[in-house]
């Protein structure tokens, strides 16, 4: 995330540091790519996905969590895996 901000060239060093602190406060969980790498590659090759897209799918499969996305092309490519729901289906 911070890399994307840096690459945008819209943020200076102090702003990037502040963004890092803010992201840490969100209490998100980080997961090692190593744990899903093989499954990610398999999904990417067999489904015609990018490694980025496939890593999302592989992590969802590993965590058995209900995934939501607005990426309709991704949902079409993974439809028969029975993972992934459109964000419009999310209800609090």
C-alpha atoms as a PDB file:
ATOM      1  CA  UNK A   1       0.000   0.000   0.000  1.00  0.00           C
ATOM      2  CA  UNK A   2       2.704   2.466   0.986  1.00  0.00           C
ATOM      3  CA  UNK A   3       4.638   1.551  -2.148  1.00  0.00           C
ATOM      4  CA  UNK A   4       1.651   2.561  -4.279  1.00  0.00           C
ATOM      5  CA  UNK A   5       1.501   5.890  -2.461  1.00  0.00           C
ATOM      6  CA  UNK A   6       5.233   6.436  -3.005  1.00  0.00           C
ATOM      7  CA  UNK A   7       5.004   5.539  -6.682  1.00  0.00           C
ATOM      8  CA  UNK A   8       2.213   8.072  -7.151  1.00  0.00           C
ATOM      9  CA  UNK A   9       4.789  10.755  -6.307  1.00  0.00           C
ATOM     10  CA  UNK A  10       2.003  12.675  -4.546  1.00  0.00           C
ATOM     11  CA  UNK A  11       3.403  12.153  -1.036  1.00  0.00           C
ATOM     12  CA  UNK A  12       6.586  13.325   0.622  1.00  0.00           C
ATOM     13  CA  UNK A  13       8.632  11.306   3.107  1.00  0.00           C
ATOM     14  CA  UNK A  14       6.774  12.551   6.185  1.00  0.00           C
ATOM     15  CA  UNK A  15       3.390  11.884   4.596  1.00  0.00           C
ATOM     16  CA  UNK A  16       4.479   8.349   3.729  1.00  0.00           C
ATOM     17  CA  UNK A  17       5.551   7.784   7.330  1.00  0.00           C
ATOM     18  CA  UNK A  18       2.179   9.073   8.551  1.00  0.00           C
ATOM     19  CA  UNK A  19       0.365   6.812   6.076  1.00  0.00           C
ATOM     20  CA  UNK A  20       2.340   3.852   7.412  1.00  0.00           C
ATOM     21  CA  UNK A  21       1.319   4.669  10.988  1.00  0.00           C
ATOM     22  CA  UNK A  22      -2.305   5.111   9.947  1.00  0.00           C
ATOM     23  CA  UNK A  23      -2.339   1.774   8.134  1.00  0.00           C
ATOM     24  CA  UNK A  24      -0.840   0.075  11.190  1.00  0.00           C
ATOM     25  CA  UNK A  25      -3.680   1.511  13.279  1.00  0.00           C
ATOM     26  CA  UNK A  26      -6.226  -0.235  11.063  1.00  0.00           C
ATOM     27  CA  UNK A  27      -5.233  -3.509  12.715  1.00  0.00           C
ATOM     28  CA  UNK A  28      -5.233  -5.424   9.471  1.00  0.00           C
ATOM     29  CA  UNK A  29      -3.773  -8.897   9.278  1.00  0.00           C
ATOM     30  CA  UNK A  30      -0.850  -9.561   7.010  1.00  0.00           C
ATOM     31  CA  UNK A  31      -0.465 -13.014   5.518  1.00  0.00           C
ATOM     32  CA  UNK A  32       2.688 -14.488   4.087  1.00  0.00           C
ATOM     33  CA  UNK A  33       2.643 -15.061   0.341  1.00  0.00           C
ATOM     34  CA  UNK A  34       4.844 -18.069   0.973  1.00  0.00           C
ATOM     35  CA  UNK A  35       1.894 -19.937   2.477  1.00  0.00           C
ATOM     36  CA  UNK A  36      -0.261 -19.517  -0.620  1.00  0.00           C
ATOM     37  CA  UNK A  37       2.393 -19.257  -3.369  1.00  0.00           C
ATOM     38  CA  UNK A  38       1.919 -22.677  -4.958  1.00  0.00           C
ATOM     39  CA  UNK A  39      -1.857 -22.461  -4.882  1.00  0.00           C
ATOM     40  CA  UNK A  40      -1.629 -18.909  -6.264  1.00  0.00           C
ATOM     41  CA  UNK A  41       0.459 -20.002  -9.239  1.00  0.00           C
ATOM     42  CA  UNK A  42      -1.839 -22.924  -9.942  1.00  0.00           C
ATOM     43  CA  UNK A  43      -4.912 -20.685  -9.890  1.00  0.00           C
ATOM     44  CA  UNK A  44      -3.239 -17.974 -11.989  1.00  0.00           C
ATOM     45  CA  UNK A  45      -2.159 -20.377 -14.708  1.00  0.00           C
ATOM     46  CA  UNK A  46      -5.391 -22.395 -14.827  1.00  0.00           C
ATOM     47  CA  UNK A  47      -7.782 -19.420 -14.587  1.00  0.00           C
ATOM     48  CA  UNK A  48      -5.908 -16.860 -16.662  1.00  0.00           C
ATOM     49  CA  UNK A  49      -5.482 -14.531 -13.694  1.00  0.00           C
ATOM     50  CA  UNK A  50      -2.652 -12.290 -12.651  1.00  0.00           C
ATOM     51  CA  UNK A  51      -0.594 -13.416  -9.671  1.00  0.00           C
ATOM     52  CA  UNK A  52      -2.149 -10.506  -7.747  1.00  0.00           C
ATOM     53  CA  UNK A  53      -5.697 -11.688  -8.489  1.00  0.00           C
ATOM     54  CA  UNK A  54      -4.859 -15.323  -7.868  1.00  0.00           C
ATOM     55  CA  UNK A  55      -3.209 -14.545  -4.526  1.00  0.00           C
ATOM     56  CA  UNK A  56      -6.489 -12.990  -3.372  1.00  0.00           C
ATOM     57  CA  UNK A  57      -8.371 -16.124  -4.376  1.00  0.00           C
ATOM     58  CA  UNK A  58      -5.779 -18.460  -2.816  1.00  0.00           C
ATOM     59  CA  UNK A  59      -5.870 -16.563   0.468  1.00  0.00           C
ATOM     60  CA  UNK A  60      -9.651 -16.672   0.522  1.00  0.00           C
ATOM     61  CA  UNK A  61      -9.547 -20.428  -0.018  1.00  0.00           C
ATOM     62  CA  UNK A  62      -6.976 -20.871   2.749  1.00  0.00           C
ATOM     63  CA  UNK A  63      -8.831 -18.718   5.276  1.00  0.00           C
ATOM     64  CA  UNK A  64     -12.296 -20.014   4.401  1.00  0.00           C
ATOM     65  CA  UNK A  65     -13.492 -16.435   4.581  1.00  0.00           C
ATOM     66  CA  UNK A  66     -16.299 -14.817   2.624  1.00  0.00           C
ATOM     67  CA  UNK A  67     -14.604 -12.655  -0.017  1.00  0.00           C
ATOM     68  CA  UNK A  68     -16.186  -9.622  -1.620  1.00  0.00           C
ATOM     69  CA  UNK A  69     -14.982  -7.750  -4.689  1.00  0.00           C
ATOM     70  CA  UNK A  70     -16.271  -5.324  -7.287  1.00  0.00           C
ATOM     71  CA  UNK A  71     -14.144  -7.030  -9.962  1.00  0.00           C
ATOM     72  CA  UNK A  72     -16.775  -8.661 -12.153  1.00  0.00           C
ATOM     73  CA  UNK A  73     -14.201 -10.161 -14.544  1.00  0.00           C
ATOM     74  CA  UNK A  74     -12.493 -11.874 -11.615  1.00  0.00           C
ATOM     75  CA  UNK A  75     -15.813 -13.202 -10.327  1.00  0.00           C
ATOM     76  CA  UNK A  76     -16.574 -14.656 -13.756  1.00  0.00           C
ATOM     77  CA  UNK A  77     -13.195 -16.412 -13.944  1.00  0.00           C
ATOM     78  CA  UNK A  78     -13.586 -17.992 -10.484  1.00  0.00           C
ATOM     79  CA  UNK A  79     -17.331 -18.654 -10.587  1.00  0.00           C
ATOM     80  CA  UNK A  80     -17.099 -22.457 -10.374  1.00  0.00           C
ATOM     81  CA  UNK A  81     -14.749 -22.292  -7.361  1.00  0.00           C
ATOM     82  CA  UNK A  82     -17.691 -21.108  -5.270  1.00  0.00           C
ATOM     83  CA  UNK A  83     -15.661 -18.290  -3.778  1.00  0.00           C
ATOM     84  CA  UNK A  84     -16.244 -14.632  -4.245  1.00  0.00           C
ATOM     85  CA  UNK A  85     -19.268 -12.437  -4.053  1.00  0.00           C
ATOM     86  CA  UNK A  86     -19.950  -9.088  -5.596  1.00  0.00           C
ATOM     87  CA  UNK A  87     -19.594  -6.242  -3.131  1.00  0.00           C
ATOM     88  CA  UNK A  88     -23.230  -5.316  -3.809  1.00  0.00           C
ATOM     89  CA  UNK A  89     -24.198  -8.481  -1.902  1.00  0.00           C
ATOM     90  CA  UNK A  90     -22.485  -7.283   1.279  1.00  0.00           C
ATOM     91  CA  UNK A  91     -24.851  -6.392   4.119  1.00  0.00           C
ATOM     92  CA  UNK A  92     -24.006  -5.258   7.609  1.00  0.00           C
END
